[in-house]
Amino acid sequence: QVEVVESGGGLVQPGESLKLSCAASGRDFDASVMGWYRQTQGEQRELVAQMFSDGKTDYADHGKDRFGIARGNAKNTTTLQMNSLKPEDGGVYYCTLDTGAGPLAFRAWGRGTQVTVSP
């Protein structure tokens, strides 16, 4: 079983920065992809950023020039640096981890961390 835990959310003012962290633990595994999704009230979860095992990254358009996803210092950890935050960046941010292959592939989700951007 894999457990994914996010941290670092909070209340910030527009223009400020915030750094989210994510750590996955459990049985021995290697993450093929780690990512961040955001969900606002009444909307579906949407991709914010993801990082592949080869280091390649992918961003949603709204965060491409302001957000940075990176590997953490420990295995199966990741961070999301968010700069120049806007009110519309607010929501619950979820960390994901993809592992396994073929019929054994699965995605684990964290419980989310709230980000609020408000004056």
N, C-alpha and C. Protein backbone atom coordinates (compact mmCIF):
# COMPACT_ATOMS: atom_id res chain seq x y z
N GLN A 1 0.84 -1.19 0.00
CA GLN A 1 0.00 0.00 0.00
C GLN A 1 0.88 1.24 0.00
N VAL A 2 0.47 2.25 -0.75
CA VAL A 2 1.22 3.48 -0.86
C VAL A 2 0.43 4.60 -0.20
N GLU A 3 1.10 5.38 0.62
CA GLU A 3 0.48 6.54 1.25
C GLU A 3 1.14 7.79 0.72
N VAL A 4 0.32 8.75 0.31
CA VAL A 4 0.81 10.02 -0.23
C VAL A 4 0.33 11.14 0.68
N VAL A 5 1.24 11.99 1.11
CA VAL A 5 0.90 13.05 2.05
C VAL A 5 1.44 14.38 1.53
N GLU A 6 0.53 15.36 1.42
CA GLU A 6 0.93 16.70 1.00
C GLU A 6 1.07 17.61 2.23
N SER A 7 1.86 18.66 2.05
CA SER A 7 1.98 19.69 3.08
C SER A 7 2.37 21.01 2.42
N GLY A 8 2.19 22.09 3.17
CA GLY A 8 2.65 23.39 2.69
C GLY A 8 1.57 24.33 2.23
N GLY A 9 0.32 23.89 2.23
CA GLY A 9 -0.74 24.78 1.83
C GLY A 9 -0.96 25.88 2.85
N GLY A 10 -1.76 26.86 2.47
CA GLY A 10 -2.05 27.94 3.40
C GLY A 10 -2.69 29.11 2.71
N LEU A 11 -2.76 30.22 3.44
CA LEU A 11 -3.35 31.46 2.94
C LEU A 11 -2.23 32.44 2.60
N VAL A 12 -2.23 32.92 1.37
CA VAL A 12 -1.25 33.92 0.95
C VAL A 12 -1.96 35.03 0.20
N GLN A 13 -1.27 36.15 0.06
CA GLN A 13 -1.82 37.27 -0.69
C GLN A 13 -1.43 37.15 -2.17
N PRO A 14 -2.20 37.76 -3.04
CA PRO A 14 -1.83 37.75 -4.46
C PRO A 14 -0.42 38.28 -4.67
N GLY A 15 0.32 37.61 -5.53
CA GLY A 15 1.69 37.99 -5.80
C GLY A 15 2.72 37.26 -4.96
N GLU A 16 2.28 36.64 -3.90
CA GLU A 16 3.20 35.92 -3.03
C GLU A 16 3.48 34.51 -3.57
N SER A 17 4.38 33.82 -2.88
CA SER A 17 4.79 32.47 -3.29
C SER A 17 4.42 31.46 -2.22
N LEU A 18 4.36 30.22 -2.65
CA LEU A 18 4.06 29.12 -1.74
C LEU A 18 4.74 27.87 -2.29
N LYS A 19 5.23 27.04 -1.40
CA LYS A 19 5.88 25.80 -1.83
C LYS A 19 5.17 24.62 -1.19
N LEU A 20 4.66 23.75 -2.02
CA LEU A 20 4.02 22.53 -1.55
C LEU A 20 5.00 21.37 -1.59
N SER A 21 4.84 20.48 -0.64
CA SER A 21 5.69 19.29 -0.60
C SER A 21 4.83 18.04 -0.57
N CYS A 22 5.40 16.97 -1.06
CA CYS A 22 4.68 15.70 -1.12
C CYS A 22 5.66 14.58 -0.84
N ALA A 23 5.22 13.63 -0.04
CA ALA A 23 6.04 12.46 0.26
C ALA A 23 5.17 11.22 0.17
N ALA A 24 5.68 10.22 -0.49
CA ALA A 24 4.98 8.95 -0.62
C ALA A 24 5.75 7.87 0.12
N SER A 25 5.05 7.03 0.81
CA SER A 25 5.69 5.97 1.57
C SER A 25 4.85 4.70 1.48
N GLY A 26 5.44 3.63 1.92
CA GLY A 26 4.73 2.35 1.88
C GLY A 26 5.66 1.24 1.43
N ARG A 27 5.10 0.28 0.74
CA ARG A 27 5.92 -0.83 0.28
C ARG A 27 6.95 -0.33 -0.73
N ASP A 28 7.95 -1.11 -0.99
CA ASP A 28 9.02 -0.70 -1.88
C ASP A 28 8.49 -0.51 -3.29
N PHE A 29 8.72 0.67 -3.85
CA PHE A 29 8.24 0.96 -5.19
C PHE A 29 9.05 2.11 -5.75
N ASP A 30 8.96 2.30 -7.03
CA ASP A 30 9.56 3.44 -7.71
C ASP A 30 8.47 4.20 -8.44
N ALA A 31 8.44 5.50 -8.24
CA ALA A 31 7.44 6.31 -8.91
C ALA A 31 7.84 6.54 -10.36
N SER A 32 6.92 6.28 -11.28
CA SER A 32 7.19 6.60 -12.67
C SER A 32 6.81 8.05 -12.97
N VAL A 33 5.79 8.53 -12.30
CA VAL A 33 5.34 9.90 -12.45
C VAL A 33 4.87 10.41 -11.09
N MET A 34 5.24 11.64 -10.77
CA MET A 34 4.65 12.31 -9.62
C MET A 34 4.07 13.63 -10.11
N GLY A 35 2.90 13.94 -9.60
CA GLY A 35 2.23 15.12 -10.13
C GLY A 35 1.43 15.86 -9.10
N TRP A 36 0.93 16.99 -9.52
CA TRP A 36 0.06 17.83 -8.70
C TRP A 36 -1.20 18.17 -9.49
N TYR A 37 -2.33 18.02 -8.83
CA TYR A 37 -3.63 18.37 -9.40
C TYR A 37 -4.29 19.38 -8.48
N ARG A 38 -5.17 20.16 -9.04
CA ARG A 38 -5.93 21.14 -8.26
C ARG A 38 -7.41 20.92 -8.49
N GLN A 39 -8.15 21.13 -7.43
CA GLN A 39 -9.61 21.05 -7.54
C GLN A 39 -10.24 22.24 -6.84
N THR A 40 -11.14 22.92 -7.53
CA THR A 40 -11.91 23.99 -6.92
C THR A 40 -13.34 23.50 -6.76
N GLN A 41 -14.08 24.19 -5.95
CA GLN A 41 -15.42 23.74 -5.61
C GLN A 41 -16.28 23.60 -6.85
N GLY A 42 -16.89 22.45 -6.99
CA GLY A 42 -17.79 22.22 -8.10
C GLY A 42 -17.11 21.85 -9.41
N GLU A 43 -15.80 21.79 -9.39
CA GLU A 43 -15.07 21.48 -10.61
C GLU A 43 -14.32 20.15 -10.47
N GLN A 44 -13.94 19.60 -11.62
CA GLN A 44 -13.14 18.38 -11.59
C GLN A 44 -11.68 18.71 -11.30
N ARG A 45 -10.98 17.73 -10.84
CA ARG A 45 -9.55 17.92 -10.61
C ARG A 45 -8.85 18.12 -11.94
N GLU A 46 -7.91 19.06 -11.95
CA GLU A 46 -7.17 19.33 -13.18
C GLU A 46 -5.67 19.28 -12.92
N LEU A 47 -4.94 18.87 -13.92
CA LEU A 47 -3.50 18.77 -13.79
C LEU A 47 -2.88 20.15 -13.65
N VAL A 48 -1.94 20.25 -12.71
CA VAL A 48 -1.15 21.47 -12.55
C VAL A 48 0.25 21.25 -13.11
N ALA A 49 0.88 20.18 -12.68
CA ALA A 49 2.23 19.87 -13.15
C ALA A 49 2.53 18.41 -12.85
N GLN A 50 3.44 17.83 -13.63
CA GLN A 50 3.87 16.47 -13.36
C GLN A 50 5.32 16.29 -13.79
N MET A 51 5.97 15.35 -13.12
CA MET A 51 7.36 15.06 -13.42
C MET A 51 7.51 13.56 -13.64
N PHE A 52 8.21 13.20 -14.72
CA PHE A 52 8.41 11.82 -15.07
C PHE A 52 9.74 11.32 -14.49
N SER A 53 9.90 10.03 -14.47
CA SER A 53 11.08 9.44 -13.86
C SER A 53 12.37 9.85 -14.57
N ASP A 54 12.27 10.26 -15.84
CA ASP A 54 13.46 10.68 -16.56
C ASP A 54 13.73 12.18 -16.38
N GLY A 55 12.95 12.82 -15.53
CA GLY A 55 13.17 14.22 -15.24
C GLY A 55 12.37 15.20 -16.08
N LYS A 56 11.71 14.71 -17.11
CA LYS A 56 10.89 15.59 -17.94
C LYS A 56 9.69 16.08 -17.14
N THR A 57 9.28 17.30 -17.45
CA THR A 57 8.16 17.90 -16.74
C THR A 57 7.09 18.36 -17.72
N ASP A 58 5.90 18.53 -17.18
CA ASP A 58 4.76 18.94 -17.99
C ASP A 58 3.91 19.85 -17.12
N TYR A 59 3.47 20.99 -17.70
CA TYR A 59 2.70 21.95 -16.92
C TYR A 59 1.41 22.33 -17.64
N ALA A 60 0.40 22.62 -16.85
CA ALA A 60 -0.79 23.24 -17.42
C ALA A 60 -0.43 24.67 -17.81
N ASP A 61 -1.14 25.18 -18.79
CA ASP A 61 -0.80 26.51 -19.32
C ASP A 61 -0.83 27.60 -18.25
N HIS A 62 -1.78 27.52 -17.33
CA HIS A 62 -1.95 28.61 -16.37
C HIS A 62 -0.77 28.74 -15.40
N GLY A 63 0.04 27.67 -15.26
CA GLY A 63 1.15 27.74 -14.32
C GLY A 63 2.51 27.60 -14.96
N LYS A 64 2.54 27.52 -16.29
CA LYS A 64 3.77 27.19 -16.99
C LYS A 64 4.92 28.14 -16.67
N ASP A 65 4.67 29.41 -16.53
CA ASP A 65 5.74 30.39 -16.30
C ASP A 65 5.90 30.77 -14.83
N ARG A 66 5.04 30.21 -13.98
CA ARG A 66 5.06 30.63 -12.58
C ARG A 66 5.32 29.48 -11.61
N PHE A 67 5.08 28.26 -12.04
CA PHE A 67 5.19 27.12 -11.15
C PHE A 67 6.38 26.25 -11.55
N GLY A 68 6.95 25.58 -10.54
CA GLY A 68 8.05 24.68 -10.84
C GLY A 68 7.93 23.41 -10.01
N ILE A 69 7.90 22.27 -10.68
CA ILE A 69 7.85 20.98 -9.99
C ILE A 69 9.27 20.42 -9.96
N ALA A 70 9.61 19.81 -8.84
CA ALA A 70 10.96 19.29 -8.69
C ALA A 70 10.93 18.06 -7.81
N ARG A 71 11.97 17.25 -7.93
CA ARG A 71 12.13 16.11 -7.03
C ARG A 71 12.55 16.63 -5.66
N GLY A 72 12.08 15.96 -4.65
CA GLY A 72 12.53 16.27 -3.31
C GLY A 72 13.87 15.60 -3.05
N ASN A 73 14.41 15.81 -1.89
CA ASN A 73 15.71 15.23 -1.55
C ASN A 73 15.62 13.73 -1.34
N ALA A 74 14.50 13.27 -0.85
CA ALA A 74 14.33 11.84 -0.59
C ALA A 74 13.62 11.17 -1.76
N LYS A 75 13.73 9.86 -1.82
CA LYS A 75 13.05 9.10 -2.86
C LYS A 75 11.55 9.27 -2.75
N ASN A 76 10.91 9.35 -3.92
CA ASN A 76 9.45 9.44 -3.99
C ASN A 76 8.90 10.65 -3.24
N THR A 77 9.59 11.76 -3.39
CA THR A 77 9.10 13.03 -2.87
C THR A 77 9.15 14.06 -3.99
N THR A 78 8.30 15.06 -3.88
CA THR A 78 8.28 16.10 -4.89
C THR A 78 7.83 17.41 -4.25
N THR A 79 8.18 18.50 -4.89
CA THR A 79 7.75 19.81 -4.43
C THR A 79 7.14 20.57 -5.60
N LEU A 80 6.29 21.52 -5.26
CA LEU A 80 5.70 22.41 -6.27
C LEU A 80 5.90 23.83 -5.78
N GLN A 81 6.78 24.56 -6.42
CA GLN A 81 7.01 25.96 -6.09
C GLN A 81 6.05 26.81 -6.91
N MET A 82 5.25 27.61 -6.24
CA MET A 82 4.27 28.44 -6.94
C MET A 82 4.59 29.91 -6.66
N ASN A 83 4.85 30.65 -7.69
CA ASN A 83 5.20 32.07 -7.58
C ASN A 83 4.13 32.95 -8.20
N SER A 84 4.14 34.20 -7.81
CA SER A 84 3.20 35.19 -8.35
C SER A 84 1.77 34.65 -8.34
N LEU A 85 1.37 34.18 -7.20
CA LEU A 85 0.07 33.53 -7.08
C LEU A 85 -1.07 34.50 -7.33
N LYS A 86 -2.12 33.97 -7.92
CA LYS A 86 -3.32 34.73 -8.23
C LYS A 86 -4.50 34.11 -7.49
N PRO A 87 -5.56 34.87 -7.27
CA PRO A 87 -6.72 34.30 -6.57
C PRO A 87 -7.25 33.03 -7.26
N GLU A 88 -7.18 33.01 -8.58
CA GLU A 88 -7.69 31.84 -9.30
C GLU A 88 -6.80 30.61 -9.17
N ASP A 89 -5.64 30.75 -8.54
CA ASP A 89 -4.79 29.59 -8.26
C ASP A 89 -5.26 28.83 -7.03
N GLY A 90 -6.17 29.40 -6.29
CA GLY A 90 -6.64 28.76 -5.08
C GLY A 90 -7.38 27.47 -5.35
N GLY A 91 -7.40 26.60 -4.33
CA GLY A 91 -8.09 25.33 -4.44
C GLY A 91 -7.41 24.30 -3.56
N VAL A 92 -7.86 23.08 -3.68
CA VAL A 92 -7.21 21.98 -2.98
C VAL A 92 -6.23 21.33 -3.94
N TYR A 93 -4.99 21.25 -3.50
CA TYR A 93 -3.94 20.67 -4.32
C TYR A 93 -3.66 19.24 -3.87
N TYR A 94 -3.70 18.35 -4.83
CA TYR A 94 -3.48 16.94 -4.57
C TYR A 94 -2.19 16.47 -5.22
N CYS A 95 -1.45 15.68 -4.49
CA CYS A 95 -0.25 15.05 -5.05
C CYS A 95 -0.61 13.65 -5.52
N THR A 96 -0.02 13.25 -6.63
CA THR A 96 -0.26 11.92 -7.15
C THR A 96 1.06 11.21 -7.41
N LEU A 97 0.98 9.90 -7.36
CA LEU A 97 2.14 9.07 -7.66
C LEU A 97 1.68 7.90 -8.52
N ASP A 98 2.31 7.73 -9.65
CA ASP A 98 2.04 6.61 -10.53
C ASP A 98 3.19 5.61 -10.40
N THR A 99 2.83 4.35 -10.27
CA THR A 99 3.86 3.32 -10.18
C THR A 99 3.34 2.04 -10.77
N GLY A 100 4.23 1.09 -10.97
CA GLY A 100 3.83 -0.17 -11.55
C GLY A 100 3.74 -0.09 -13.06
N ALA A 101 3.46 -1.23 -13.66
CA ALA A 101 3.35 -1.29 -15.12
C ALA A 101 2.28 -2.29 -15.50
N GLY A 102 1.70 -2.09 -16.67
CA GLY A 102 0.68 -3.00 -17.16
C GLY A 102 -0.47 -3.14 -16.19
N PRO A 103 -0.89 -4.38 -15.94
CA PRO A 103 -2.03 -4.59 -15.04
C PRO A 103 -1.73 -4.22 -13.59
N LEU A 104 -0.46 -4.04 -13.25
CA LEU A 104 -0.10 -3.67 -11.88
C LEU A 104 0.06 -2.16 -11.70
N ALA A 105 -0.15 -1.40 -12.75
CA ALA A 105 0.00 0.05 -12.65
C ALA A 105 -1.16 0.64 -11.86
N PHE A 106 -0.84 1.62 -11.04
CA PHE A 106 -1.90 2.33 -10.31
C PHE A 106 -1.41 3.72 -9.95
N ARG A 107 -2.38 4.57 -9.61
CA ARG A 107 -2.10 5.94 -9.18
C ARG A 107 -2.60 6.10 -7.76
N ALA A 108 -1.72 6.60 -6.91
CA ALA A 108 -2.09 6.91 -5.53
C ALA A 108 -2.29 8.40 -5.38
N TRP A 109 -3.30 8.80 -4.62
CA TRP A 109 -3.62 10.20 -4.38
C TRP A 109 -3.44 10.53 -2.91
N GLY A 110 -2.97 11.75 -2.67
CA GLY A 110 -2.98 12.25 -1.31
C GLY A 110 -4.34 12.79 -0.96
N ARG A 111 -4.47 13.29 0.25
CA ARG A 111 -5.76 13.82 0.71
C ARG A 111 -5.93 15.29 0.37
N GLY A 112 -4.87 15.93 -0.08
CA GLY A 112 -4.96 17.30 -0.52
C GLY A 112 -4.55 18.31 0.54
N THR A 113 -4.12 19.46 0.06
CA THR A 113 -3.77 20.58 0.94
C THR A 113 -4.38 21.84 0.36
N GLN A 114 -5.00 22.64 1.21
CA GLN A 114 -5.74 23.82 0.75
C GLN A 114 -4.81 24.99 0.48
N VAL A 115 -4.99 25.61 -0.67
CA VAL A 115 -4.27 26.84 -1.00
C VAL A 115 -5.31 27.93 -1.24
N THR A 116 -5.17 29.02 -0.50
CA THR A 116 -6.08 30.15 -0.66
C THR A 116 -5.26 31.39 -0.96
N VAL A 117 -5.63 32.08 -2.02
CA VAL A 117 -4.93 33.31 -2.41
C VAL A 117 -5.94 34.45 -2.32
N SER A 118 -5.74 35.31 -1.36
CA SER A 118 -6.71 36.37 -1.10
C SER A 118 -6.03 37.56 -0.47
N PRO A 119 -6.50 38.78 -0.80
CA PRO A 119 -5.90 39.98 -0.20
C PRO A 119 -6.10 40.00 1.32
